[in-house]
C-alpha atoms as a PDB file:
ATOM      1  CA  MET A   1      -0.871 -11.957 -21.900  1.00  0.00           C
ATOM      2  CA  LYS A   2       1.515 -10.536 -19.319  1.00  0.00           C
ATOM      3  CA  VAL A   3       1.039 -12.027 -15.846  1.00  0.00           C
ATOM      4  CA  ALA A   4       2.426 -11.785 -12.317  1.00  0.00           C
ATOM      5  CA  ILE A   5       3.083 -14.848 -10.165  1.00  0.00           C
ATOM      6  CA  TYR A   6       2.281 -14.717  -6.458  1.00  0.00           C
ATOM      7  CA  VAL A   7       3.211 -17.295  -3.813  1.00  0.00           C
ATOM      8  CA  ARG A   8       2.607 -17.234  -0.078  1.00  0.00           C
ATOM      9  CA  VAL A   9       3.652 -19.480   2.789  1.00  0.00           C
ATOM     10  CA  SER A  10       2.470 -19.165   6.381  1.00  0.00           C
ATOM     11  CA  THR A  11       5.703 -20.276   8.064  1.00  0.00           C
ATOM     12  CA  ARG A  12       9.280 -21.185   7.246  1.00  0.00           C
ATOM     13  CA  LYS A  13       8.287 -24.832   7.606  1.00  0.00           C
ATOM     14  CA  GLN A  14       6.304 -24.507   4.403  1.00  0.00           C
ATOM     15  CA  ASP A  15       8.073 -24.285   1.066  1.00  0.00           C
ATOM     16  CA  GLU A  16       7.076 -21.733  -1.553  1.00  0.00           C
ATOM     17  CA  THR A  17       9.171 -23.616  -4.122  1.00  0.00           C
ATOM     18  CA  ASN A  18       6.322 -26.130  -4.278  1.00  0.00           C
ATOM     19  CA  GLN A  19       4.122 -23.363  -5.665  1.00  0.00           C
ATOM     20  CA  LEU A  20       6.566 -21.674  -8.032  1.00  0.00           C
ATOM     21  CA  PRO A  21       7.247 -24.607 -10.410  1.00  0.00           C
ATOM     22  CA  ARG A  22       3.535 -25.243 -10.818  1.00  0.00           C
ATOM     23  CA  LEU A  23       2.792 -21.596 -11.624  1.00  0.00           C
ATOM     24  CA  ARG A  24       5.775 -21.275 -13.955  1.00  0.00           C
ATOM     25  CA  GLU A  25       4.618 -24.373 -15.807  1.00  0.00           C
ATOM     26  CA  LEU A  26       1.092 -22.982 -16.023  1.00  0.00           C
ATOM     27  CA  ALA A  27       2.396 -19.723 -17.480  1.00  0.00           C
ATOM     28  CA  LYS A  28       4.540 -21.604 -19.997  1.00  0.00           C
ATOM     29  CA  ASN A  29       1.717 -23.905 -21.113  1.00  0.00           C
ATOM     30  CA  ARG A  30      -0.698 -21.011 -21.534  1.00  0.00           C
ATOM     31  CA  GLY A  31       1.847 -18.902 -23.388  1.00  0.00           C
ATOM     32  CA  PHE A  32       1.864 -16.170 -20.741  1.00  0.00           C
ATOM     33  CA  GLU A  33       4.710 -13.691 -20.333  1.00  0.00           C
ATOM     34  CA  VAL A  34       5.759 -13.498 -16.660  1.00  0.00           C
ATOM     35  CA  TYR A  35       6.287  -9.892 -15.642  1.00  0.00           C
ATOM     36  CA  ARG A  36       7.557 -10.709 -12.146  1.00  0.00           C
ATOM     37  CA  GLU A  37       7.294 -13.175  -9.252  1.00  0.00           C
ATOM     38  CA  TYR A  38       6.110 -11.912  -5.861  1.00  0.00           C
ATOM     39  CA  GLY A  39       6.113 -13.751  -2.537  1.00  0.00           C
ATOM     40  CA  ASP A  40       5.391 -13.481   1.188  1.00  0.00           C
ATOM     41  CA  GLU A  41       5.959 -15.458   4.353  1.00  0.00           C
ATOM     42  CA  ALA A  42       2.860 -14.454   6.275  1.00  0.00           C
ATOM     43  CA  SER A  43      -0.675 -15.389   7.168  1.00  0.00           C
ATOM     44  CA  ALA A  44      -3.329 -14.797   4.523  1.00  0.00           C
ATOM     45  CA  LYS A  45      -5.376 -12.811   7.052  1.00  0.00           C
ATOM     46  CA  ASP A  46      -2.677 -10.119   6.940  1.00  0.00           C
ATOM     47  CA  ALA A  47      -3.674  -7.762   4.145  1.00  0.00           C
ATOM     48  CA  ASN A  48      -0.496  -5.691   4.598  1.00  0.00           C
ATOM     49  CA  ARG A  49       1.970  -8.321   3.414  1.00  0.00           C
ATOM     50  CA  PRO A  50       4.927  -6.547   1.731  1.00  0.00           C
ATOM     51  CA  GLY A  51       4.965  -8.725  -1.388  1.00  0.00           C
ATOM     52  CA  TRP A  52       1.207  -8.523  -1.794  1.00  0.00           C
ATOM     53  CA  LYS A  53       1.150  -4.733  -1.326  1.00  0.00           C
ATOM     54  CA  GLU A  54       3.830  -4.343  -3.988  1.00  0.00           C
ATOM     55  CA  LEU A  55       1.900  -6.676  -6.286  1.00  0.00           C
ATOM     56  CA  MET A  56      -1.303  -4.656  -5.894  1.00  0.00           C
ATOM     57  CA  GLN A  57       0.588  -1.409  -6.457  1.00  0.00           C
ATOM     58  CA  ASP A  58       1.972  -2.759  -9.741  1.00  0.00           C
ATOM     59  CA  ALA A  59      -1.498  -4.021 -10.644  1.00  0.00           C
ATOM     60  CA  SER A  60      -2.906  -0.515 -10.145  1.00  0.00           C
ATOM     61  CA  GLU A  61      -0.251   0.749 -12.570  1.00  0.00           C
ATOM     62  CA  HIS A  62      -1.347  -1.843 -15.175  1.00  0.00           C
ATOM     63  CA  ARG A  63       2.044  -3.553 -15.334  1.00  0.00           C
ATOM     64  CA  PHE A  64       0.370  -6.913 -16.049  1.00  0.00           C
ATOM     65  CA  GLU A  65      -3.023  -8.280 -17.021  1.00  0.00           C
ATOM     66  CA  ALA A  66      -3.468 -11.201 -14.622  1.00  0.00           C
ATOM     67  CA  ILE A  67      -2.194 -12.700 -11.373  1.00  0.00           C
ATOM     68  CA  LEU A  68      -1.397 -16.408 -11.095  1.00  0.00           C
ATOM     69  CA  VAL A  69      -1.797 -18.195  -7.751  1.00  0.00           C
ATOM     70  CA  THR A  70      -2.032 -21.872  -6.847  1.00  0.00           C
ATOM     71  CA  LYS A  71      -5.155 -21.505  -4.680  1.00  0.00           C
ATOM     72  CA  LEU A  72      -7.522 -18.731  -3.720  1.00  0.00           C
ATOM     73  CA  ASP A  73      -6.472 -18.943  -0.069  1.00  0.00           C
ATOM     74  CA  ARG A  74      -2.960 -17.885  -1.104  1.00  0.00           C
ATOM     75  CA  VAL A  75      -4.562 -14.481  -1.689  1.00  0.00           C
ATOM     76  CA  MET A  76      -6.884 -14.010   1.308  1.00  0.00           C
ATOM     77  CA  ARG A  77      -8.662 -16.196   3.851  1.00  0.00           C
ATOM     78  CA  SER A  78     -10.975 -13.425   4.971  1.00  0.00           C
ATOM     79  CA  LEU A  79     -14.067 -13.122   2.809  1.00  0.00           C
ATOM     80  CA  LEU A  80     -14.237  -9.382   3.479  1.00  0.00           C
ATOM     81  CA  GLN A  81     -10.641  -8.793   2.410  1.00  0.00           C
ATOM     82  CA  LEU A  82     -11.101 -11.084  -0.578  1.00  0.00           C
ATOM     83  CA  ASN A  83     -14.071  -9.025  -1.772  1.00  0.00           C
ATOM     84  CA  ILE A  84     -12.049  -5.821  -1.406  1.00  0.00           C
ATOM     85  CA  THR A  85      -9.173  -7.366  -3.353  1.00  0.00           C
ATOM     86  CA  ILE A  86     -11.423  -8.592  -6.162  1.00  0.00           C
ATOM     87  CA  ASN A  87     -13.115  -5.196  -6.427  1.00  0.00           C
ATOM     88  CA  ASN A  88      -9.695  -3.536  -6.695  1.00  0.00           C
ATOM     89  CA  LEU A  89      -8.525  -5.982  -9.349  1.00  0.00           C
ATOM     90  CA  GLN A  90     -11.721  -5.432 -11.291  1.00  0.00           C
ATOM     91  CA  THR A  91     -11.078  -1.676 -11.178  1.00  0.00           C
ATOM     92  CA  TYR A  92      -7.508  -2.220 -12.401  1.00  0.00           C
ATOM     93  CA  GLY A  93      -8.676  -4.561 -15.157  1.00  0.00           C
ATOM     94  CA  VAL A  94      -6.512  -7.389 -13.798  1.00  0.00           C
ATOM     95  CA  LYS A  95      -7.696 -11.010 -13.824  1.00  0.00           C
ATOM     96  CA  LEU A  96      -7.077 -13.601 -11.112  1.00  0.00           C
ATOM     97  CA  ILE A  97      -6.158 -17.107 -12.267  1.00  0.00           C
ATOM     98  CA  CYS A  98      -5.953 -19.973  -9.760  1.00  0.00           C
ATOM     99  CA  ALA A  99      -4.100 -23.132 -10.771  1.00  0.00           C
ATOM    100  CA  ASP A 100      -6.677 -25.366  -9.078  1.00  0.00           C
ATOM    101  CA  ILE A 101      -9.859 -23.772 -10.445  1.00  0.00           C
ATOM    102  CA  GLY A 102      -8.780 -21.685 -13.434  1.00  0.00           C
ATOM    103  CA  GLU A 103      -9.675 -18.088 -14.178  1.00  0.00           C
ATOM    104  CA  ILE A 104     -12.227 -16.447 -11.908  1.00  0.00           C
ATOM    105  CA  ASP A 105     -14.549 -14.364 -14.022  1.00  0.00           C
ATOM    106  CA  TYR A 106     -15.828 -11.921 -11.427  1.00  0.00           C
ATOM    107  CA  SER A 107     -17.533  -9.841 -14.107  1.00  0.00           C
ATOM    108  CA  THR A 108     -20.435 -12.323 -14.275  1.00  0.00           C
ATOM    109  CA  PRO A 109     -23.012 -13.189 -11.576  1.00  0.00           C
ATOM    110  CA  MET A 110     -22.013 -16.885 -11.674  1.00  0.00           C
ATOM    111  CA  GLY A 111     -18.336 -15.970 -11.330  1.00  0.00           C
ATOM    112  CA  LYS A 112     -19.092 -13.793  -8.299  1.00  0.00           C
ATOM    113  CA  VAL A 113     -21.091 -16.596  -6.668  1.00  0.00           C
ATOM    114  CA  HIS A 114     -18.272 -19.044  -7.377  1.00  0.00           C
ATOM    115  CA  MET A 115     -15.753 -16.703  -5.762  1.00  0.00           C
ATOM    116  CA  GLN A 116     -17.963 -16.113  -2.718  1.00  0.00           C
ATOM    117  CA  ILE A 117     -18.369 -19.849  -2.109  1.00  0.00           C
ATOM    118  CA  ILE A 118     -14.640 -20.561  -2.372  1.00  0.00           C
ATOM    119  CA  GLY A 119     -13.815 -17.517  -0.222  1.00  0.00           C
ATOM    120  CA  ALA A 120     -16.315 -18.558   2.438  1.00  0.00           C
ATOM    121  CA  ILE A 121     -14.824 -22.064   2.566  1.00  0.00           C
ATOM    122  CA  ALA A 122     -11.304 -20.621   2.909  1.00  0.00           C
ATOM    123  CA  GLU A 123     -12.432 -18.364   5.763  1.00  0.00           C
ATOM    124  CA  TRP A 124     -14.222 -21.261   7.460  1.00  0.00           C
ATOM    125  CA  GLU A 125     -11.074 -23.400   7.193  1.00  0.00           C
ATOM    126  CA  ARG A 126      -9.018 -20.644   8.826  1.00  0.00           C
ATOM    127  CA  GLU A 127     -11.493 -20.320  11.677  1.00  0.00           C
ATOM    128  CA  ILE A 128     -11.375 -24.089  12.216  1.00  0.00           C
ATOM    129  CA  ILE A 129      -7.570 -23.979  12.362  1.00  0.00           C
ATOM    130  CA  VAL A 130      -7.676 -21.122  14.897  1.00  0.00           C
ATOM    131  CA  GLN A 131     -10.244 -22.947  17.014  1.00  0.00           C
ATOM    132  CA  ARG A 132      -8.269 -26.196  16.989  1.00  0.00           C
ATOM    133  CA  THR A 133      -5.104 -24.317  17.935  1.00  0.00           C
ATOM    134  CA  LYS A 134      -6.860 -22.702  20.895  1.00  0.00           C
ATOM    135  CA  GLU A 135      -8.268 -26.049  21.992  1.00  0.00           C
ATOM    136  CA  GLY A 136      -4.813 -27.616  21.733  1.00  0.00           C
ATOM    137  CA  ILE A 137      -3.300 -24.874  23.905  1.00  0.00           C
ATOM    138  CA  GLU A 138      -6.036 -25.239  26.522  1.00  0.00           C
ATOM    139  CA  ALA A 139      -5.584 -29.018  26.569  1.00  0.00           C
ATOM    140  CA  LYS A 140      -1.831 -28.618  27.170  1.00  0.00           C
ATOM    141  CA  ARG A 141      -2.437 -26.113  29.956  1.00  0.00           C
ATOM    142  CA  ALA A 142      -4.897 -28.520  31.562  1.00  0.00           C
ATOM    143  CA  ARG A 143      -2.151 -31.178  31.564  1.00  0.00           C
ATOM    144  CA  GLY A 144       0.249 -28.745  33.196  1.00  0.00           C
ATOM    145  CA  VAL A 145       2.436 -28.303  30.117  1.00  0.00           C
ATOM    146  CA  HIS A 146       4.464 -25.090  30.260  1.00  0.00           C
ATOM    147  CA  LEU A 147       3.788 -22.859  27.253  1.00  0.00           C
ATOM    148  CA  GLY A 148       6.105 -20.138  26.084  1.00  0.00           C
ATOM    149  CA  ARG A 149       9.840 -19.748  26.031  1.00  0.00           C
ATOM    150  CA  LYS A 150      11.937 -22.013  28.157  1.00  0.00           C
ATOM    151  CA  LYS A 151      13.843 -20.290  30.911  1.00  0.00           C
ATOM    152  CA  ARG A 152      17.543 -20.050  30.289  1.00  0.00           C
ATOM    153  CA  ASP A 153      19.594 -21.912  32.860  1.00  0.00           C
ATOM    154  CA  ASP A 154      22.968 -20.714  31.609  1.00  0.00           C
ATOM    155  CA  ILE A 155      22.795 -17.175  33.007  1.00  0.00           C
ATOM    156  CA  PRO A 156      25.950 -16.683  35.162  1.00  0.00           C
ATOM    157  CA  ILE A 157      24.352 -15.130  38.236  1.00  0.00           C
ATOM    158  CA  ASP A 158      27.655 -15.160  40.182  1.00  0.00           C
ATOM    159  CA  THR A 159      29.479 -13.365  37.387  1.00  0.00           C
ATOM    160  CA  ILE A 160      26.712 -10.792  37.017  1.00  0.00           C
ATOM    161  CA  ALA A 161      26.747 -10.130  40.767  1.00  0.00           C
ATOM    162  CA  THR A 162      30.522  -9.676  40.693  1.00  0.00           C
ATOM    163  CA  LEU A 163      30.290  -7.242  37.779  1.00  0.00           C
ATOM    164  CA  ARG A 164      27.544  -5.267  39.483  1.00  0.00           C
ATOM    165  CA  MET A 165      29.586  -5.023  42.684  1.00  0.00           C
ATOM    166  CA  SER A 166      32.519  -3.742  40.640  1.00  0.00           C
ATOM    167  CA  GLY A 167      30.380  -0.901  39.295  1.00  0.00           C
ATOM    168  CA  CYS A 168      29.234  -2.250  35.897  1.00  0.00           C
ATOM    169  CA  SER A 169      25.851  -1.071  34.639  1.00  0.00           C
ATOM    170  CA  TRP A 170      23.119  -3.485  33.541  1.00  0.00           C
ATOM    171  CA  ARG A 171      23.573  -2.181  30.009  1.00  0.00           C
ATOM    172  CA  THR A 172      27.281  -2.984  30.040  1.00  0.00           C
ATOM    173  CA  ILE A 173      26.632  -6.487  31.377  1.00  0.00           C
ATOM    174  CA  THR A 174      24.023  -7.075  28.690  1.00  0.00           C
ATOM    175  CA  ARG A 175      26.501  -6.087  26.017  1.00  0.00           C
ATOM    176  CA  ASP A 176      29.550  -7.919  27.379  1.00  0.00           C
ATOM    177  CA  LEU A 177      27.790 -11.186  28.253  1.00  0.00           C
ATOM    178  CA  HIS A 178      25.477 -11.149  25.194  1.00  0.00           C
ATOM    179  CA  ILE A 179      22.384 -11.583  27.341  1.00  0.00           C
ATOM    180  CA  PRO A 180      19.083  -9.965  26.258  1.00  0.00           C
ATOM    181  CA  LYS A 181      18.096  -7.115  28.548  1.00  0.00           C
ATOM    182  CA  THR A 182      14.669  -8.611  29.275  1.00  0.00           C
ATOM    183  CA  THR A 183      16.288 -11.917  30.275  1.00  0.00           C
ATOM    184  CA  LEU A 184      18.797 -10.123  32.489  1.00  0.00           C
ATOM    185  CA  MET A 185      16.087  -8.066  34.184  1.00  0.00           C
ATOM    186  CA  ARG A 186      14.209 -11.250  35.063  1.00  0.00           C
ATOM    187  CA  ARG A 187      17.326 -12.381  36.934  1.00  0.00           C
ATOM    188  CA  LYS A 188      17.784  -9.004  38.655  1.00  0.00           C
ATOM    189  CA  PRO A 189      16.130 -10.026  41.973  1.00  0.00           C
ATOM    190  CA  LYS A 190      18.410 -13.085  42.262  1.00  0.00           C
ATOM    191  CA  VAL A 191      21.477 -11.001  41.445  1.00  0.00           C
ATOM    192  CA  GLU A 192      20.587  -8.365  44.026  1.00  0.00           C
ATOM    193  CA  GLU A 193      19.870 -11.063  46.588  1.00  0.00           C
ATOM    194  CA  LEU A 194      23.301 -12.573  45.984  1.00  0.00           C
ATOM    195  CA  ILE A 195      24.940  -9.151  46.232  1.00  0.00           C
ATOM    196  CA  ALA A 196      23.194  -8.532  49.553  1.00  0.00           C
ATOM    197  CA  LYS A 197      24.419 -11.875  50.936  1.00  0.00           C
ATOM    198  CA  ARG A 198      27.975 -11.161  49.840  1.00  0.00           C
ATOM    199  CA  SER A 199      27.847  -7.685  51.413  1.00  0.00           C
ATOM    200  CA  GLU A 200      26.590  -9.110  54.715  1.00  0.00           C
ATOM    201  CA  LYS A 201      29.343 -11.702  54.690  1.00  0.00           C
ATOM    202  CA  GLU A 202      32.023  -9.095  54.038  1.00  0.00           C
ATOM    203  CA  VAL A 203      30.695  -6.957  56.919  1.00  0.00           C
ATOM    204  CA  SER A 204      30.629  -9.895  59.354  1.00  0.00           C
ATOM    205  CA  GLU A 205      34.189 -10.781  58.429  1.00  0.00           C
END
């Protein structure tokens, strides 16, 4: 049987190489021919992952007979999206084989129930993670912890003011000093204040 291997990680901190050896070994032990390996670095709630979209396109063209994944939540964590995916695979005649539970036979009532239970648990786990993340953020805010990007303290305000007074545009300063435009614009009031002070001093002298 010709199969496709799919791996997904949520962030760069995770390592898809932990999934690949297991799936390659599974394919070898079962005597499967691997058509191709697909992968994504994205959340499972995103149904428009590039690797997954390409995989489903190839599945619709009958390039393989089954998809190998380590766990069902590598596919989708939304029960709705999972049902859509399974219906599509059933239409394409492509099986889904999970390393932790084996082949999901969604052609039988028991197989459909099995899939629904696992999908519901995966969705519940995702909601718990989201809720805990929100609670963690709120707890940090309550303690006065600053969230978001740290302000840069290496922006040369004096240099920027000098360049502005010499006729340089903000765009030119952004390019020459390698400072993001949004960061530079946040410093604009301070720069203009410094320019005003320098102008007043030059007039008084």
